[in-house]
Amino acid sequence: MRPTRTALALVATALTPALLLAGPAFAASPATTVATASAATGSGVDELSDDDVRVAIARIIADPTTGKAVHAAAQKALDGTIEDQRYFLETGRWIAQAEDDRVAIARILASADPKTDRAVIREANKALDANTPKALRAYLETGYRLARAEDDRVRVARILADPTISDALRAAAEDAIDGTPEELRYFLEIGRYEVDG
């Protein structure tokens, strides 16, 4: 490998955590990597060579989790001047990410059931009302998971309130209600149907 390629590979590898951000592919699993505009400001974009900047943008474009707005902004930057490209890495990326995050939250709201997903809807609306990149990202990173767990605990409590359920189902529901958000979700989607009798 030529020395310039080696240096380029090292810089790209070092900057990947700061420059790559999971897009709205979180819908099934909202636990994605946290990256914010504040992380970008100290990323050293000014210190990158022009080639390193282009490689960083190309990696964002190639990432399958990149959202549509980020992808479009990255492509536009790559087609522009080096100043456009540096602006994208420092600022434009985060503006586009906020747009992708708003779309992702709108999709969650569209699929939410107003009767059973009250916490999910409440917290999503709070994030959209705040309308800051930080609030939008916080909802997608942790708020959605915690709100869904709150709604799932209510669902499990309703199961426990039914006096006709079996002892095995009651025991499994009691274990689930004190569990993690993932354990609650598993119980509601699969576990309760696996319990005998």
N, C-alpha and C. Protein backbone atom coordinates (compact mmCIF):
# COMPACT_ATOMS: atom_id res chain seq x y z
N MET A 1 0.85 -1.18 0.00
CA MET A 1 0.00 0.00 0.00
C MET A 1 0.90 1.24 0.00
N ARG A 2 0.56 2.19 -0.84
CA ARG A 2 1.36 3.41 -0.92
C ARG A 2 1.21 4.21 0.38
N PRO A 3 2.23 5.01 0.74
CA PRO A 3 2.17 5.78 1.99
C PRO A 3 0.95 6.69 2.08
N THR A 4 0.56 7.32 0.95
CA THR A 4 -0.60 8.22 1.02
C THR A 4 -1.88 7.44 1.28
N ARG A 5 -1.98 6.25 0.72
CA ARG A 5 -3.16 5.43 0.97
C ARG A 5 -3.18 4.95 2.42
N THR A 6 -2.03 4.61 2.94
CA THR A 6 -1.95 4.20 4.33
C THR A 6 -2.40 5.32 5.25
N ALA A 7 -1.89 6.52 4.99
CA ALA A 7 -2.28 7.68 5.81
C ALA A 7 -3.77 7.95 5.67
N LEU A 8 -4.27 7.84 4.45
CA LEU A 8 -5.69 8.07 4.20
C LEU A 8 -6.54 7.04 4.95
N ALA A 9 -6.12 5.80 4.91
CA ALA A 9 -6.86 4.74 5.61
C ALA A 9 -6.85 4.98 7.12
N LEU A 10 -5.70 5.40 7.65
CA LEU A 10 -5.61 5.68 9.09
C LEU A 10 -6.52 6.83 9.49
N VAL A 11 -6.52 7.91 8.70
CA VAL A 11 -7.36 9.07 9.02
C VAL A 11 -8.82 8.69 8.92
N ALA A 12 -9.19 7.98 7.86
CA ALA A 12 -10.59 7.58 7.68
C ALA A 12 -11.04 6.69 8.83
N THR A 13 -10.19 5.77 9.25
CA THR A 13 -10.53 4.90 10.36
C THR A 13 -10.68 5.69 11.66
N ALA A 14 -9.78 6.63 11.88
CA ALA A 14 -9.82 7.42 13.11
C ALA A 14 -11.05 8.32 13.14
N LEU A 15 -11.46 8.83 12.00
CA LEU A 15 -12.59 9.77 11.96
C LEU A 15 -13.94 9.09 11.84
N THR A 16 -13.97 7.82 11.52
CA THR A 16 -15.24 7.14 11.31
C THR A 16 -16.20 7.33 12.47
N PRO A 17 -15.82 7.14 13.73
CA PRO A 17 -16.79 7.34 14.81
C PRO A 17 -17.35 8.76 14.87
N ALA A 18 -16.54 9.75 14.57
CA ALA A 18 -17.00 11.13 14.64
C ALA A 18 -17.83 11.52 13.43
N LEU A 19 -17.54 10.92 12.29
CA LEU A 19 -18.20 11.35 11.06
C LEU A 19 -19.40 10.51 10.67
N LEU A 20 -19.44 9.29 11.13
CA LEU A 20 -20.57 8.44 10.77
C LEU A 20 -21.60 8.44 11.86
N LEU A 21 -22.83 8.54 11.47
CA LEU A 21 -23.94 8.58 12.42
C LEU A 21 -25.03 7.71 11.87
N ALA A 22 -25.58 6.86 12.69
CA ALA A 22 -26.66 6.02 12.22
C ALA A 22 -27.85 6.86 11.85
N GLY A 23 -28.44 6.58 10.71
CA GLY A 23 -29.62 7.30 10.24
C GLY A 23 -30.89 6.69 10.74
N PRO A 24 -31.98 6.89 10.06
CA PRO A 24 -33.26 6.45 10.57
C PRO A 24 -33.53 4.97 10.38
N ALA A 25 -32.52 4.19 10.13
CA ALA A 25 -32.72 2.76 10.02
C ALA A 25 -32.98 2.16 11.38
N PHE A 26 -33.12 2.99 12.41
CA PHE A 26 -33.30 2.56 13.77
C PHE A 26 -34.71 2.06 14.04
N ALA A 27 -35.65 2.29 13.15
CA ALA A 27 -37.06 2.09 13.45
C ALA A 27 -37.33 0.76 14.14
N ALA A 28 -36.68 -0.31 13.70
CA ALA A 28 -36.88 -1.58 14.36
C ALA A 28 -36.06 -1.67 15.63
N SER A 29 -34.94 -1.01 15.66
CA SER A 29 -34.05 -1.05 16.80
C SER A 29 -33.46 0.33 17.02
N PRO A 30 -34.09 1.15 17.84
CA PRO A 30 -33.66 2.54 17.97
C PRO A 30 -32.35 2.75 18.70
N ALA A 31 -31.72 1.71 19.20
CA ALA A 31 -30.44 1.90 19.89
C ALA A 31 -29.34 2.01 18.85
N THR A 32 -29.00 3.23 18.48
CA THR A 32 -27.96 3.47 17.48
C THR A 32 -26.85 4.28 18.10
N THR A 33 -25.79 4.44 17.35
CA THR A 33 -24.64 5.18 17.83
C THR A 33 -24.98 6.66 18.02
N VAL A 34 -24.59 7.20 19.15
CA VAL A 34 -24.85 8.62 19.41
C VAL A 34 -23.73 9.44 18.81
N ALA A 35 -24.09 10.40 17.99
CA ALA A 35 -23.14 11.38 17.47
C ALA A 35 -23.92 12.68 17.31
N THR A 36 -23.34 13.75 17.72
CA THR A 36 -24.04 15.02 17.67
C THR A 36 -23.19 16.08 17.01
N ALA A 37 -23.79 17.23 16.81
CA ALA A 37 -23.06 18.33 16.22
C ALA A 37 -21.87 18.72 17.09
N SER A 38 -22.02 18.59 18.40
CA SER A 38 -20.91 18.93 19.28
C SER A 38 -19.73 18.00 19.06
N ALA A 39 -20.00 16.74 18.69
CA ALA A 39 -18.92 15.81 18.40
C ALA A 39 -18.19 16.22 17.13
N ALA A 40 -18.95 16.80 16.19
CA ALA A 40 -18.34 17.19 14.92
C ALA A 40 -17.46 18.42 15.06
N THR A 41 -17.81 19.32 15.96
CA THR A 41 -17.06 20.56 16.06
C THR A 41 -15.62 20.33 16.48
N GLY A 42 -15.36 19.28 17.22
CA GLY A 42 -14.00 18.98 17.63
C GLY A 42 -13.39 17.88 16.79
N SER A 43 -13.95 17.62 15.62
CA SER A 43 -13.52 16.47 14.82
C SER A 43 -12.26 16.72 14.02
N GLY A 44 -11.79 17.96 13.92
CA GLY A 44 -10.56 18.24 13.20
C GLY A 44 -10.72 18.26 11.70
N VAL A 45 -11.90 18.59 11.20
CA VAL A 45 -12.13 18.63 9.76
C VAL A 45 -11.16 19.59 9.09
N ASP A 46 -10.84 20.71 9.74
CA ASP A 46 -9.92 21.69 9.17
C ASP A 46 -8.52 21.11 8.94
N GLU A 47 -8.18 20.10 9.71
CA GLU A 47 -6.85 19.50 9.62
C GLU A 47 -6.76 18.42 8.55
N LEU A 48 -7.91 18.02 7.98
CA LEU A 48 -7.92 16.97 6.97
C LEU A 48 -7.47 17.51 5.63
N SER A 49 -6.81 16.65 4.88
CA SER A 49 -6.47 17.03 3.50
C SER A 49 -7.76 16.98 2.68
N ASP A 50 -7.71 17.57 1.49
CA ASP A 50 -8.88 17.56 0.62
C ASP A 50 -9.31 16.13 0.30
N ASP A 51 -8.35 15.25 0.05
CA ASP A 51 -8.67 13.85 -0.25
C ASP A 51 -9.33 13.17 0.95
N ASP A 52 -8.85 13.46 2.15
CA ASP A 52 -9.43 12.86 3.35
C ASP A 52 -10.88 13.30 3.54
N VAL A 53 -11.15 14.56 3.22
CA VAL A 53 -12.51 15.07 3.32
C VAL A 53 -13.42 14.31 2.36
N ARG A 54 -12.96 14.14 1.13
CA ARG A 54 -13.76 13.42 0.13
C ARG A 54 -14.00 11.97 0.55
N VAL A 55 -12.99 11.33 1.10
CA VAL A 55 -13.14 9.94 1.55
C VAL A 55 -14.17 9.87 2.68
N ALA A 56 -14.11 10.80 3.61
CA ALA A 56 -15.06 10.80 4.73
C ALA A 56 -16.49 10.94 4.20
N ILE A 57 -16.70 11.81 3.23
CA ILE A 57 -18.03 11.99 2.67
C ILE A 57 -18.46 10.75 1.89
N ALA A 58 -17.54 10.17 1.14
CA ALA A 58 -17.86 8.95 0.39
C ALA A 58 -18.27 7.82 1.33
N ARG A 59 -17.64 7.73 2.49
CA ARG A 59 -18.01 6.71 3.47
C ARG A 59 -19.43 6.94 4.00
N ILE A 60 -19.79 8.19 4.20
CA ILE A 60 -21.14 8.51 4.66
C ILE A 60 -22.15 8.10 3.60
N ILE A 61 -21.85 8.40 2.34
CA ILE A 61 -22.74 8.03 1.25
C ILE A 61 -22.87 6.51 1.15
N ALA A 62 -21.79 5.79 1.36
CA ALA A 62 -21.79 4.34 1.23
C ALA A 62 -22.44 3.62 2.41
N ASP A 63 -22.57 4.29 3.53
CA ASP A 63 -23.13 3.67 4.73
C ASP A 63 -24.63 3.39 4.51
N PRO A 64 -25.05 2.12 4.62
CA PRO A 64 -26.46 1.80 4.37
C PRO A 64 -27.42 2.39 5.40
N THR A 65 -26.92 2.83 6.54
CA THR A 65 -27.81 3.42 7.55
C THR A 65 -27.97 4.93 7.39
N THR A 66 -27.27 5.51 6.43
CA THR A 66 -27.38 6.95 6.20
C THR A 66 -28.78 7.28 5.71
N GLY A 67 -29.40 8.28 6.33
CA GLY A 67 -30.74 8.71 5.94
C GLY A 67 -30.74 9.46 4.62
N LYS A 68 -31.94 9.66 4.08
CA LYS A 68 -32.07 10.30 2.77
C LYS A 68 -31.54 11.73 2.75
N ALA A 69 -31.87 12.51 3.76
CA ALA A 69 -31.43 13.92 3.77
C ALA A 69 -29.91 14.00 3.89
N VAL A 70 -29.33 13.18 4.74
CA VAL A 70 -27.87 13.19 4.88
C VAL A 70 -27.23 12.71 3.58
N HIS A 71 -27.78 11.67 2.99
CA HIS A 71 -27.25 11.14 1.73
C HIS A 71 -27.28 12.22 0.65
N ALA A 72 -28.42 12.90 0.52
CA ALA A 72 -28.55 13.94 -0.51
C ALA A 72 -27.59 15.10 -0.24
N ALA A 73 -27.47 15.52 1.02
CA ALA A 73 -26.56 16.62 1.36
C ALA A 73 -25.11 16.21 1.11
N ALA A 74 -24.78 14.96 1.42
CA ALA A 74 -23.42 14.47 1.20
C ALA A 74 -23.10 14.43 -0.29
N GLN A 75 -24.05 13.96 -1.09
CA GLN A 75 -23.83 13.89 -2.53
C GLN A 75 -23.67 15.28 -3.13
N LYS A 76 -24.51 16.22 -2.65
CA LYS A 76 -24.42 17.60 -3.13
C LYS A 76 -23.06 18.20 -2.77
N ALA A 77 -22.61 17.93 -1.54
CA ALA A 77 -21.30 18.44 -1.10
C ALA A 77 -20.18 17.83 -1.93
N LEU A 78 -20.27 16.54 -2.18
CA LEU A 78 -19.23 15.86 -2.95
C LEU A 78 -19.16 16.41 -4.38
N ASP A 79 -20.30 16.82 -4.92
CA ASP A 79 -20.34 17.42 -6.26
C ASP A 79 -19.89 18.88 -6.26
N GLY A 80 -19.77 19.48 -5.08
CA GLY A 80 -19.41 20.90 -4.97
C GLY A 80 -17.92 21.11 -4.77
N THR A 81 -17.62 22.26 -4.23
CA THR A 81 -16.22 22.64 -3.99
C THR A 81 -15.72 22.01 -2.69
N ILE A 82 -14.44 22.11 -2.45
CA ILE A 82 -13.88 21.59 -1.20
C ILE A 82 -14.45 22.35 -0.01
N GLU A 83 -14.76 23.63 -0.19
CA GLU A 83 -15.38 24.40 0.90
C GLU A 83 -16.76 23.84 1.22
N ASP A 84 -17.51 23.46 0.17
CA ASP A 84 -18.83 22.83 0.37
C ASP A 84 -18.68 21.52 1.13
N GLN A 85 -17.64 20.78 0.81
CA GLN A 85 -17.42 19.49 1.45
C GLN A 85 -17.04 19.65 2.91
N ARG A 86 -16.18 20.61 3.20
CA ARG A 86 -15.80 20.85 4.59
C ARG A 86 -17.01 21.37 5.39
N TYR A 87 -17.79 22.24 4.78
CA TYR A 87 -19.00 22.74 5.45
C TYR A 87 -19.94 21.57 5.77
N PHE A 88 -20.09 20.66 4.84
CA PHE A 88 -20.96 19.50 5.08
C PHE A 88 -20.48 18.71 6.30
N LEU A 89 -19.20 18.41 6.36
CA LEU A 89 -18.69 17.61 7.48
C LEU A 89 -18.81 18.33 8.82
N GLU A 90 -18.64 19.64 8.80
CA GLU A 90 -18.67 20.40 10.05
C GLU A 90 -20.08 20.77 10.49
N THR A 91 -20.96 21.11 9.54
CA THR A 91 -22.27 21.68 9.89
C THR A 91 -23.42 21.04 9.13
N GLY A 92 -23.30 20.98 7.82
CA GLY A 92 -24.41 20.51 6.98
C GLY A 92 -24.89 19.13 7.32
N ARG A 93 -23.97 18.29 7.71
CA ARG A 93 -24.31 16.90 8.08
C ARG A 93 -25.34 16.88 9.21
N TRP A 94 -25.14 17.73 10.18
CA TRP A 94 -25.99 17.71 11.37
C TRP A 94 -27.36 18.34 11.10
N ILE A 95 -27.39 19.30 10.19
CA ILE A 95 -28.67 19.88 9.78
C ILE A 95 -29.48 18.83 9.04
N ALA A 96 -28.84 18.12 8.13
CA ALA A 96 -29.52 17.06 7.38
C ALA A 96 -29.92 15.91 8.30
N GLN A 97 -29.08 15.60 9.29
CA GLN A 97 -29.41 14.52 10.24
C GLN A 97 -30.66 14.86 11.02
N ALA A 98 -30.82 16.11 11.41
CA ALA A 98 -32.03 16.54 12.13
C ALA A 98 -33.26 16.33 11.26
N GLU A 99 -33.14 16.60 9.97
CA GLU A 99 -34.26 16.36 9.06
C GLU A 99 -34.59 14.87 9.00
N ASP A 100 -33.58 14.03 8.88
CA ASP A 100 -33.80 12.58 8.88
C ASP A 100 -34.43 12.12 10.19
N ASP A 101 -33.99 12.70 11.29
CA ASP A 101 -34.53 12.33 12.60
C ASP A 101 -36.01 12.72 12.71
N ARG A 102 -36.37 13.90 12.19
CA ARG A 102 -37.78 14.30 12.20
C ARG A 102 -38.63 13.32 11.41
N VAL A 103 -38.15 12.88 10.26
CA VAL A 103 -38.87 11.90 9.44
C VAL A 103 -39.00 10.58 10.19
N ALA A 104 -37.94 10.15 10.85
CA ALA A 104 -37.98 8.89 11.59
C ALA A 104 -39.00 8.96 12.73
N ILE A 105 -39.06 10.08 13.42
CA ILE A 105 -40.02 10.24 14.51
C ILE A 105 -41.44 10.29 13.95
N ALA A 106 -41.62 10.94 12.82
CA ALA A 106 -42.95 10.97 12.19
C ALA A 106 -43.40 9.57 11.81
N ARG A 107 -42.48 8.73 11.37
CA ARG A 107 -42.82 7.33 11.04
C ARG A 107 -43.23 6.56 12.30
N ILE A 108 -42.54 6.81 13.39
CA ILE A 108 -42.91 6.16 14.65
C ILE A 108 -44.32 6.59 15.04
N LEU A 109 -44.60 7.88 14.94
CA LEU A 109 -45.93 8.39 15.28
C LEU A 109 -47.01 7.80 14.37
N ALA A 110 -46.70 7.66 13.09
CA ALA A 110 -47.68 7.13 12.14
C ALA A 110 -48.03 5.67 12.44
N SER A 111 -47.08 4.93 12.99
CA SER A 111 -47.34 3.52 13.28
C SER A 111 -47.80 3.29 14.71
N ALA A 112 -47.83 4.33 15.53
CA ALA A 112 -48.22 4.18 16.94
C ALA A 112 -49.74 4.07 17.07
N ASP A 113 -50.16 3.27 18.04
CA ASP A 113 -51.58 3.11 18.34
C ASP A 113 -51.93 4.07 19.48
N PRO A 114 -52.84 5.03 19.24
CA PRO A 114 -53.16 6.02 20.28
C PRO A 114 -53.72 5.40 21.56
N LYS A 115 -54.26 4.20 21.47
CA LYS A 115 -54.85 3.56 22.65
C LYS A 115 -53.80 2.91 23.54
N THR A 116 -52.73 2.41 22.93
CA THR A 116 -51.76 1.64 23.71
C THR A 116 -50.35 2.22 23.72
N ASP A 117 -50.06 3.14 22.84
CA ASP A 117 -48.70 3.70 22.73
C ASP A 117 -48.66 5.15 23.23
N ARG A 118 -49.28 5.40 24.34
CA ARG A 118 -49.41 6.78 24.83
C ARG A 118 -48.07 7.42 25.17
N ALA A 119 -47.19 6.69 25.84
CA ALA A 119 -45.89 7.25 26.21
C ALA A 119 -45.04 7.50 24.96
N VAL A 120 -45.08 6.58 24.02
CA VAL A 120 -44.33 6.74 22.77
C VAL A 120 -44.78 8.00 22.05
N ILE A 121 -46.09 8.19 21.96
CA ILE A 121 -46.65 9.36 21.28
C ILE A 121 -46.32 10.64 22.05
N ARG A 122 -46.48 10.60 23.36
CA ARG A 122 -46.20 11.78 24.19
C ARG A 122 -44.75 12.25 24.04
N GLU A 123 -43.82 11.31 24.16
CA GLU A 123 -42.40 11.66 24.09
C GLU A 123 -41.98 12.06 22.67
N ALA A 124 -42.57 11.43 21.66
CA ALA A 124 -42.26 11.82 20.27
C ALA A 124 -42.72 13.25 20.02
N ASN A 125 -43.91 13.58 20.50
CA ASN A 125 -44.41 14.94 20.32
C ASN A 125 -43.57 15.96 21.07
N LYS A 126 -43.08 15.60 22.25
CA LYS A 126 -42.18 16.50 22.97
C LYS A 126 -40.91 16.78 22.17
N ALA A 127 -40.35 15.73 21.58
CA ALA A 127 -39.13 15.90 20.78
C ALA A 127 -39.41 16.77 19.56
N LEU A 128 -40.53 16.53 18.89
CA LEU A 128 -40.86 17.32 17.72
C LEU A 128 -41.17 18.77 18.09
N ASP A 129 -41.82 18.97 19.23
CA ASP A 129 -42.11 20.33 19.68
C ASP A 129 -40.83 21.09 20.02
N ALA A 130 -39.88 20.39 20.65
CA ALA A 130 -38.59 21.03 20.97
C ALA A 130 -37.86 21.38 19.67
N ASN A 131 -37.93 20.48 18.70
CA ASN A 131 -37.40 20.68 17.36
C ASN A 131 -35.94 21.14 17.34
N THR A 132 -35.15 20.57 18.23
CA THR A 132 -33.70 20.81 18.20
C THR A 132 -33.03 19.50 17.80
N PRO A 133 -31.90 19.58 17.12
CA PRO A 133 -31.20 18.34 16.77
C PRO A 133 -30.94 17.45 17.99
N LYS A 134 -30.61 18.07 19.11
CA LYS A 134 -30.31 17.31 20.33
C LYS A 134 -31.55 16.58 20.85
N ALA A 135 -32.69 17.25 20.87
CA ALA A 135 -33.93 16.63 21.37
C ALA A 135 -34.40 15.52 20.44
N LEU A 136 -34.29 15.74 19.14
CA LEU A 136 -34.69 14.72 18.17
C LEU A 136 -33.83 13.47 18.31
N ARG A 137 -32.52 13.67 18.38
CA ARG A 137 -31.60 12.55 18.49
C ARG A 137 -31.78 11.83 19.82
N ALA A 138 -32.00 12.59 20.91
CA ALA A 138 -32.19 11.97 22.23
C ALA A 138 -33.41 11.06 22.23
N TYR A 139 -34.48 11.49 21.57
CA TYR A 139 -35.67 10.63 21.50
C TYR A 139 -35.35 9.34 20.77
N LEU A 140 -34.65 9.45 19.66
CA LEU A 140 -34.35 8.25 18.87
C LEU A 140 -33.35 7.34 19.57
N GLU A 141 -32.42 7.93 20.30
CA GLU A 141 -31.39 7.14 20.96
C GLU A 141 -31.89 6.45 22.23
N THR A 142 -32.64 7.18 23.05
CA THR A 142 -33.06 6.60 24.34
C THR A 142 -34.54 6.81 24.63
N GLY A 143 -35.08 7.95 24.23
CA GLY A 143 -36.46 8.27 24.58
C GLY A 143 -37.48 7.29 24.05
N TYR A 144 -37.31 6.87 22.81
CA TYR A 144 -38.25 5.92 22.21
C TYR A 144 -38.23 4.59 22.97
N ARG A 145 -37.04 4.09 23.26
CA ARG A 145 -36.89 2.82 23.97
C ARG A 145 -37.56 2.88 25.34
N LEU A 146 -37.32 3.97 26.06
CA LEU A 146 -37.89 4.11 27.41
C LEU A 146 -39.40 4.33 27.37
N ALA A 147 -39.88 5.10 26.40
CA ALA A 147 -41.31 5.32 26.28
C ALA A 147 -42.03 4.03 25.89
N ARG A 148 -41.44 3.27 25.01
CA ARG A 148 -42.04 1.98 24.62
C ARG A 148 -42.07 1.03 25.81
N ALA A 149 -41.03 1.07 26.63
CA ALA A 149 -41.02 0.22 27.83
C ALA A 149 -42.13 0.63 28.79
N GLU A 150 -42.37 1.94 28.93
CA GLU A 150 -43.47 2.41 29.78
C GLU A 150 -44.80 1.87 29.26
N ASP A 151 -45.02 1.96 27.97
CA ASP A 151 -46.25 1.43 27.38
C ASP A 151 -46.34 -0.09 27.53
N ASP A 152 -45.21 -0.77 27.37
CA ASP A 152 -45.20 -2.23 27.51
C ASP A 152 -45.50 -2.66 28.95
N ARG A 153 -45.03 -1.89 29.94
CA ARG A 153 -45.35 -2.22 31.33
C ARG A 153 -46.85 -2.11 31.58
N VAL A 154 -47.47 -1.13 30.97
CA VAL A 154 -48.94 -1.00 31.09
C VAL A 154 -49.61 -2.23 30.46
N ARG A 155 -49.13 -2.67 29.32
CA ARG A 155 -49.70 -3.85 28.67
C ARG A 155 -49.56 -5.09 29.56
N VAL A 156 -48.38 -5.25 30.14
CA VAL A 156 -48.15 -6.41 31.02
C VAL A 156 -49.01 -6.28 32.27
N ALA A 157 -49.17 -5.10 32.80
CA ALA A 157 -50.03 -4.90 33.98
C ALA A 157 -51.47 -5.28 33.66
N ARG A 158 -51.92 -4.99 32.46
CA ARG A 158 -53.28 -5.39 32.05
C ARG A 158 -53.42 -6.90 32.00
N ILE A 159 -52.37 -7.57 31.54
CA ILE A 159 -52.39 -9.04 31.53
C ILE A 159 -52.49 -9.55 32.97
N LEU A 160 -51.70 -8.95 33.86
CA LEU A 160 -51.72 -9.38 35.26
C LEU A 160 -53.06 -9.07 35.94
N ALA A 161 -53.77 -8.07 35.46
CA ALA A 161 -55.06 -7.70 36.05
C ALA A 161 -56.17 -8.68 35.69
N ASP A 162 -55.92 -9.52 34.71
CA ASP A 162 -56.92 -10.52 34.30
C ASP A 162 -56.90 -11.70 35.26
N PRO A 163 -57.99 -11.92 36.02
CA PRO A 163 -57.99 -13.00 37.01
C PRO A 163 -58.06 -14.40 36.39
N THR A 164 -58.32 -14.47 35.09
CA THR A 164 -58.48 -15.78 34.46
C THR A 164 -57.19 -16.34 33.87
N ILE A 165 -56.07 -15.61 33.95
CA ILE A 165 -54.84 -16.13 33.35
C ILE A 165 -54.28 -17.28 34.20
N SER A 166 -53.48 -18.10 33.55
CA SER A 166 -52.89 -19.26 34.23
C SER A 166 -51.80 -18.80 35.19
N ASP A 167 -51.47 -19.70 36.13
CA ASP A 167 -50.40 -19.40 37.08
C ASP A 167 -49.06 -19.23 36.35
N ALA A 168 -48.84 -20.02 35.31
CA ALA A 168 -47.59 -19.93 34.55
C ALA A 168 -47.48 -18.59 33.83
N LEU A 169 -48.59 -18.14 33.23
CA LEU A 169 -48.57 -16.85 32.54
C LEU A 169 -48.40 -15.72 33.55
N ARG A 170 -49.06 -15.84 34.71
CA ARG A 170 -48.91 -14.81 35.74
C ARG A 170 -47.45 -14.71 36.20
N ALA A 171 -46.81 -15.84 36.42
CA ALA A 171 -45.41 -15.84 36.86
C ALA A 171 -44.50 -15.22 35.80
N ALA A 172 -44.74 -15.57 34.53
CA ALA A 172 -43.92 -15.02 33.45
C ALA A 172 -44.15 -13.51 33.31
N ALA A 173 -45.39 -13.06 33.47
CA ALA A 173 -45.70 -11.63 33.38
C ALA A 173 -45.08 -10.87 34.55
N GLU A 174 -45.10 -11.46 35.74
CA GLU A 174 -44.49 -10.80 36.90
C GLU A 174 -42.98 -10.67 36.72
N ASP A 175 -42.35 -11.67 36.13
CA ASP A 175 -40.92 -11.59 35.84
C ASP A 175 -40.64 -10.50 34.80
N ALA A 176 -41.49 -10.46 33.78
CA ALA A 176 -41.28 -9.50 32.68
C ALA A 176 -41.48 -8.06 33.13
N ILE A 177 -42.46 -7.81 33.97
CA ILE A 177 -42.78 -6.43 34.34
C ILE A 177 -41.64 -5.75 35.10
N ASP A 178 -40.82 -6.53 35.74
CA ASP A 178 -39.67 -5.99 36.46
C ASP A 178 -38.39 -6.01 35.62
N GLY A 179 -38.50 -6.44 34.36
CA GLY A 179 -37.33 -6.61 33.52
C GLY A 179 -36.94 -5.37 32.73
N THR A 180 -36.00 -5.57 31.86
CA THR A 180 -35.51 -4.50 30.98
C THR A 180 -36.53 -4.22 29.89
N PRO A 181 -36.39 -3.10 29.20
CA PRO A 181 -37.29 -2.84 28.07
C PRO A 181 -37.29 -3.98 27.05
N GLU A 182 -36.15 -4.58 26.81
CA GLU A 182 -36.07 -5.67 25.85
C GLU A 182 -36.79 -6.92 26.36
N GLU A 183 -36.69 -7.17 27.67
CA GLU A 183 -37.40 -8.33 28.24
C GLU A 183 -38.91 -8.12 28.19
N LEU A 184 -39.36 -6.91 28.43
CA LEU A 184 -40.79 -6.61 28.31
C LEU A 184 -41.27 -6.86 26.89
N ARG A 185 -40.52 -6.34 25.93
CA ARG A 185 -40.90 -6.49 24.52
C ARG A 185 -40.92 -7.96 24.12
N TYR A 186 -39.91 -8.72 24.56
CA TYR A 186 -39.85 -10.15 24.25
C TYR A 186 -41.07 -10.86 24.83
N PHE A 187 -41.41 -10.56 26.07
CA PHE A 187 -42.56 -11.21 26.69
C PHE A 187 -43.83 -10.94 25.90
N LEU A 188 -44.04 -9.68 25.51
CA LEU A 188 -45.27 -9.33 24.80
C LEU A 188 -45.33 -9.92 23.40
N GLU A 189 -44.20 -9.98 22.73
CA GLU A 189 -44.19 -10.46 21.35
C GLU A 189 -44.08 -11.97 21.24
N ILE A 190 -43.37 -12.61 22.18
CA ILE A 190 -43.10 -14.04 22.05
C ILE A 190 -43.38 -14.81 23.34
N GLY A 191 -42.80 -14.35 24.44
CA GLY A 191 -42.80 -15.10 25.69
C GLY A 191 -44.17 -15.50 26.19
N ARG A 192 -45.14 -14.62 26.12
CA ARG A 192 -46.46 -14.97 26.65
C ARG A 192 -47.13 -16.08 25.86
N TYR A 193 -46.72 -16.25 24.61
CA TYR A 193 -47.30 -17.32 23.79
C TYR A 193 -46.57 -18.65 23.99
N GLU A 194 -45.42 -18.60 24.61
CA GLU A 194 -44.64 -19.81 24.89
C GLU A 194 -45.02 -20.46 26.21
N VAL A 195 -45.74 -19.72 27.05
CA VAL A 195 -46.09 -20.23 28.38
C VAL A 195 -47.19 -21.27 28.24
N ASP A 196 -47.00 -22.40 28.90
CA ASP A 196 -48.03 -23.45 28.87
C ASP A 196 -49.15 -23.09 29.82
N GLY A 197 -50.33 -23.37 29.39
CA GLY A 197 -51.43 -23.29 30.11
C GLY A 197 -52.23 -22.64 30.94
